[in-house]
């Protein structure tokens, strides 16, 4: 039967898709000038982001049902996804269809896809370590620990267990990395993860938004707005097809300029109000 397949692809950390996708296309959605946030919600760029996610999601080609896309892969709902290098460390080794049915799967890691014709930007994001105000001896001890932890060989050992990219330039040299992976007996999964992650840091300009007041809330809007809209409209689409409406006709109810315009204006207004405080 036609239209009875499952989704192929899913995406985690949707705010990164919005922010980095726009940056590849020449726009900083949220930047800081003179200490104040500035919104550049360029309609043409945002429309391209919409067409690249919302449209395939409505049609059932993209999917998102579990908390993370690795959950969807584990349940056999999708077979490809964009996620983080640290998240890839928890990528499932089998697909579980039911309490009694499962089969092994193999992971392959590739560089994160970019927009055709776009600039070479990739997201820089991870877990940071900070030293807070404390007694002098405590601050000194914290600094010494950070020096110890970020020593190239030790930090790379941590990376091979976690998927996080090491911080020192020496630890990002592939000859050094390969020697460390051989010495540690790194799995094929972790070899693929680290090799691709380090390759991306060398082949792209790493980017993240600068901190500003209400920045976390603004990021949450970028993370949720299109995703929630796509999920709700996908459910409405499925209701129409369940009633007998053909796939193309049902999709045409949602993939319209008017639908995009309404979502765009609502999201732009929410972002403007958020950064205005």
Protein backbone atom coordinates (compact mmCIF):
# COMPACT_ATOMS: atom_id res chain seq x y z
CA UNK A 1 0.00 0.00 0.00
CA UNK A 2 1.10 3.57 -0.57
CA UNK A 3 1.72 5.94 2.37
CA UNK A 4 2.01 3.09 4.87
CA UNK A 5 5.72 3.45 5.67
CA UNK A 6 7.44 4.95 8.70
CA UNK A 7 9.39 8.17 9.04
CA UNK A 8 13.04 8.06 7.98
CA UNK A 9 14.64 10.91 9.93
CA UNK A 10 14.46 12.79 13.24
CA UNK A 11 16.24 15.72 14.82
CA UNK A 12 17.27 16.50 18.41
CA UNK A 13 18.08 19.92 19.92
CA UNK A 14 15.80 21.77 17.54
CA UNK A 15 16.96 25.22 18.67
CA UNK A 16 20.38 24.35 17.25
CA UNK A 17 18.76 23.57 13.90
CA UNK A 18 17.13 27.01 13.88
CA UNK A 19 20.18 28.93 15.10
CA UNK A 20 22.88 27.12 13.11
CA UNK A 21 20.70 26.66 10.02
CA UNK A 22 20.04 30.40 9.91
CA UNK A 23 23.73 31.14 10.52
CA UNK A 24 24.70 28.91 7.59
CA UNK A 25 22.24 30.91 5.50
CA UNK A 26 23.82 34.22 6.52
CA UNK A 27 21.57 35.33 9.40
CA UNK A 28 22.11 35.53 13.16
CA UNK A 29 18.65 35.00 14.58
CA UNK A 30 19.72 36.26 18.00
CA UNK A 31 22.80 38.41 18.42
CA UNK A 32 24.05 40.82 21.08
CA UNK A 33 24.95 44.44 20.31
CA UNK A 34 26.20 46.78 23.04
CA UNK A 35 25.03 44.27 25.62
CA UNK A 36 21.47 44.10 24.30
CA UNK A 37 19.84 41.24 22.33
CA UNK A 38 18.82 41.86 18.73
CA UNK A 39 16.35 39.65 16.86
CA UNK A 40 16.79 39.07 13.13
CA UNK A 41 13.94 36.72 12.30
CA UNK A 42 14.52 36.99 8.56
CA UNK A 43 11.38 35.70 6.86
CA UNK A 44 13.08 34.19 3.78
CA UNK A 45 15.63 32.30 5.89
CA UNK A 46 13.01 31.17 8.40
CA UNK A 47 10.83 29.98 5.52
CA UNK A 48 13.67 27.80 4.31
CA UNK A 49 14.01 26.34 7.80
CA UNK A 50 10.25 25.72 7.81
CA UNK A 51 10.22 24.05 4.41
CA UNK A 52 13.11 21.80 5.41
CA UNK A 53 11.42 20.52 8.58
CA UNK A 54 7.71 21.27 8.80
CA UNK A 55 6.85 20.09 5.29
CA UNK A 56 8.53 16.64 5.56
CA UNK A 57 7.18 16.25 9.10
CA UNK A 58 3.60 16.84 7.96
CA UNK A 59 4.09 14.31 5.18
CA UNK A 60 5.42 11.70 7.63
CA UNK A 61 8.96 11.63 6.28
CA UNK A 62 10.40 13.04 9.53
CA UNK A 63 9.34 11.84 12.97
CA UNK A 64 9.62 12.62 16.68
CA UNK A 65 7.76 10.55 19.25
CA UNK A 66 10.20 9.65 22.06
CA UNK A 67 12.02 12.05 24.36
CA UNK A 68 15.13 11.76 22.18
CA UNK A 69 15.54 10.57 18.61
CA UNK A 70 17.74 7.72 19.84
CA UNK A 71 14.59 6.52 21.63
CA UNK A 72 12.75 6.58 18.30
CA UNK A 73 15.52 4.57 16.67
CA UNK A 74 15.48 2.06 19.53
CA UNK A 75 11.75 1.57 18.93
CA UNK A 76 12.16 1.29 15.16
CA UNK A 77 10.27 4.51 14.40
CA UNK A 78 13.12 6.14 12.44
CA UNK A 79 16.47 4.96 11.11
CA UNK A 80 18.48 8.22 10.90
CA UNK A 81 18.83 11.24 13.13
CA UNK A 82 20.82 14.34 13.98
CA UNK A 83 22.01 14.41 17.57
CA UNK A 84 24.98 15.34 19.73
CA UNK A 85 28.31 13.53 19.97
CA UNK A 86 27.70 12.98 23.69
CA UNK A 87 24.22 11.63 22.99
CA UNK A 88 25.63 9.26 20.37
CA UNK A 89 27.52 7.50 23.14
CA UNK A 90 24.13 6.17 24.31
CA UNK A 91 22.98 5.16 20.84
CA UNK A 92 21.13 1.81 21.06
CA UNK A 93 22.69 -1.45 19.94
CA UNK A 94 19.36 -3.04 19.15
CA UNK A 95 15.89 -2.17 17.94
CA UNK A 96 13.16 -3.34 20.33
CA UNK A 97 9.82 -3.89 18.64
CA UNK A 98 8.04 -5.51 21.59
CA UNK A 99 8.69 -7.43 24.80
CA UNK A 100 9.61 -10.47 22.71
CA UNK A 101 10.92 -9.00 19.43
CA UNK A 102 14.24 -7.24 18.89
CA UNK A 103 17.15 -7.26 16.48
CA UNK A 104 20.71 -5.84 16.53
CA UNK A 105 21.54 -2.62 14.72
CA UNK A 106 24.82 -0.90 13.82
CA UNK A 107 25.52 2.81 14.06
CA UNK A 108 27.30 4.87 11.45
CA UNK A 109 28.30 8.45 12.20
CA UNK A 110 28.51 11.24 9.63
CA UNK A 111 29.07 15.00 9.75
CA UNK A 112 25.93 17.00 10.49
CA UNK A 113 24.18 17.97 7.23
CA UNK A 114 24.33 21.60 6.10
CA UNK A 115 22.19 23.77 3.90
CA UNK A 116 23.23 23.68 0.27
CA UNK A 117 25.02 26.88 -0.64
CA UNK A 118 25.36 27.84 3.02
CA UNK A 119 28.43 28.80 5.01
CA UNK A 120 30.43 26.33 7.08
CA UNK A 121 29.05 26.79 10.59
CA UNK A 122 28.47 24.15 13.25
CA UNK A 123 27.17 24.36 16.79
CA UNK A 124 29.51 24.63 19.74
CA UNK A 125 27.67 23.38 22.79
CA UNK A 126 28.40 21.23 25.76
CA UNK A 127 28.77 20.94 29.50
CA UNK A 128 31.05 23.57 31.01
CA UNK A 129 33.04 23.79 34.22
CA UNK A 130 33.26 27.01 36.22
CA UNK A 131 35.07 28.22 39.30
CA UNK A 132 32.80 30.15 41.67
CA UNK A 133 33.76 32.69 44.29
CA UNK A 134 35.15 30.83 47.30
CA UNK A 135 38.04 30.78 49.73
CA UNK A 136 41.43 31.38 48.02
CA UNK A 137 42.62 27.83 48.67
CA UNK A 138 39.38 26.43 47.21
CA UNK A 139 39.71 28.53 44.07
CA UNK A 140 43.34 27.46 43.71
CA UNK A 141 42.36 23.81 44.12
CA UNK A 142 39.62 24.19 41.51
CA UNK A 143 42.04 25.72 39.02
CA UNK A 144 44.55 22.95 39.60
CA UNK A 145 41.81 20.36 39.04
CA UNK A 146 40.82 22.02 35.74
CA UNK A 147 44.45 22.00 34.60
CA UNK A 148 44.71 18.32 35.51
CA UNK A 149 41.39 17.40 33.89
CA UNK A 150 42.07 19.22 30.61
CA UNK A 151 45.57 17.80 30.13
CA UNK A 152 45.48 16.48 26.56
CA UNK A 153 45.82 12.76 27.21
CA UNK A 154 43.52 12.71 30.23
CA UNK A 155 40.88 14.86 28.58
CA UNK A 156 40.91 12.67 25.48
CA UNK A 157 40.46 9.61 27.68
CA UNK A 158 37.36 11.28 29.11
CA UNK A 159 36.18 12.10 25.57
CA UNK A 160 36.46 8.48 24.49
CA UNK A 161 34.11 7.51 27.31
CA UNK A 162 31.64 10.34 26.98
CA UNK A 163 31.56 11.59 23.39
CA UNK A 164 32.52 15.14 24.39
CA UNK A 165 35.17 16.79 22.22
CA UNK A 166 38.47 17.47 24.05
CA UNK A 167 39.36 21.10 24.70
CA UNK A 168 43.07 21.27 23.88
CA UNK A 169 44.30 21.68 20.31
CA UNK A 170 46.83 18.88 20.83
CA UNK A 171 44.03 16.51 21.82
CA UNK A 172 42.19 17.34 18.58
CA UNK A 173 45.06 16.31 16.31
CA UNK A 174 43.95 13.13 14.57
CA UNK A 175 47.33 11.39 14.87
CA UNK A 176 47.22 11.90 18.63
CA UNK A 177 43.56 10.89 18.72
CA UNK A 178 44.09 7.69 16.75
CA UNK A 179 46.98 6.64 19.00
CA UNK A 180 44.82 7.25 22.07
CA UNK A 181 41.91 5.28 20.59
CA UNK A 182 44.18 2.35 19.79
CA UNK A 183 45.69 2.42 23.28
CA UNK A 184 42.26 2.57 24.90
CA UNK A 185 40.78 -0.13 22.67
CA UNK A 186 37.97 2.27 21.74
CA UNK A 187 34.85 0.72 20.24
CA UNK A 188 33.97 1.25 16.59
CA UNK A 189 31.01 3.35 17.76
CA UNK A 190 33.15 5.73 19.81
CA UNK A 191 35.81 5.90 17.09
CA UNK A 192 33.19 7.05 14.61
CA UNK A 193 31.70 9.57 17.04
CA UNK A 194 34.97 11.21 18.06
CA UNK A 195 36.45 11.18 14.56
CA UNK A 196 33.41 12.94 13.11
CA UNK A 197 33.09 15.39 15.99
CA UNK A 198 36.74 16.44 15.80
CA UNK A 199 36.53 16.61 12.02
CA UNK A 200 33.59 19.00 12.24
CA UNK A 201 35.42 21.34 14.63
CA UNK A 202 38.28 21.58 12.15
CA UNK A 203 36.15 22.03 9.04
CA UNK A 204 33.63 24.55 10.37
CA UNK A 205 33.46 27.80 12.24
CA UNK A 206 32.00 26.88 15.61
CA UNK A 207 29.12 29.08 16.71
CA UNK A 208 26.75 29.61 19.58
CA UNK A 209 24.63 32.57 20.63
CA UNK A 210 26.05 34.94 23.22
CA UNK A 211 24.41 35.10 26.61
CA UNK A 212 21.75 37.71 27.25
CA UNK A 213 18.88 38.32 29.64
CA UNK A 214 16.02 35.90 28.90
CA UNK A 215 18.28 34.05 26.48
CA UNK A 216 17.22 30.65 27.81
CA UNK A 217 13.56 31.55 27.32
CA UNK A 218 14.21 32.78 23.78
CA UNK A 219 16.03 29.55 22.97
CA UNK A 220 13.06 27.59 24.34
CA UNK A 221 10.77 29.38 21.88
CA UNK A 222 13.06 28.46 18.99
CA UNK A 223 13.26 24.90 20.29
CA UNK A 224 9.53 24.32 20.71
CA UNK A 225 7.53 26.61 18.42
CA UNK A 226 7.90 24.86 15.06
CA UNK A 227 8.15 21.39 16.62
CA UNK A 228 4.87 21.76 18.52
CA UNK A 229 3.16 23.23 15.47
CA UNK A 230 4.37 20.36 13.27
CA UNK A 231 3.25 17.72 15.77
CA UNK A 232 -0.22 19.24 16.18
CA UNK A 233 -0.73 19.62 12.45
CA UNK A 234 0.56 16.10 11.81
CA UNK A 235 -2.12 14.75 14.17
CA UNK A 236 -4.76 16.77 12.28
CA UNK A 237 -3.35 15.44 8.99
CA UNK A 238 -3.64 11.84 10.24
CA UNK A 239 -7.24 12.46 11.29
CA UNK A 240 -8.06 13.59 7.76
CA UNK A 241 -6.39 10.60 6.11
CA UNK A 242 -8.14 8.25 8.56
CA UNK A 243 -11.41 9.64 7.25
CA UNK A 244 -10.36 8.71 3.71
CA UNK A 245 -8.81 11.93 2.42
CA UNK A 246 -5.87 11.23 0.05
CA UNK A 247 -2.38 12.00 1.36
CA UNK A 248 -1.66 14.83 -1.08
CA UNK A 249 -5.00 16.50 -0.45
CA UNK A 250 -4.60 16.27 3.33
CA UNK A 251 -1.04 17.64 3.22
CA UNK A 252 -2.22 20.54 1.06
CA UNK A 253 -4.44 21.66 3.95
CA UNK A 254 -1.32 22.49 5.98
CA UNK A 255 1.54 23.14 3.56
CA UNK A 256 0.35 26.63 2.64
CA UNK A 257 1.78 30.14 2.65
CA UNK A 258 -1.00 31.22 5.00
CA UNK A 259 -0.09 28.56 7.56
CA UNK A 260 3.55 29.61 7.49
CA UNK A 261 2.67 33.30 7.75
CA UNK A 262 0.49 32.72 10.81
CA UNK A 263 3.15 30.66 12.56
CA UNK A 264 5.89 33.11 11.59
CA UNK A 265 4.08 36.15 12.99
CA UNK A 266 3.15 34.35 16.19
CA UNK A 267 6.71 33.14 16.77
CA UNK A 268 8.30 36.48 15.88
CA UNK A 269 6.01 38.27 18.31
CA UNK A 270 6.79 35.77 21.07
CA UNK A 271 10.53 36.25 20.53
CA UNK A 272 10.24 40.04 20.48
CA UNK A 273 8.30 40.04 23.76
CA UNK A 274 10.77 37.60 25.30
CA UNK A 275 13.93 39.57 24.57
CA UNK A 276 12.23 42.84 25.49
CA UNK A 277 11.84 41.44 28.99
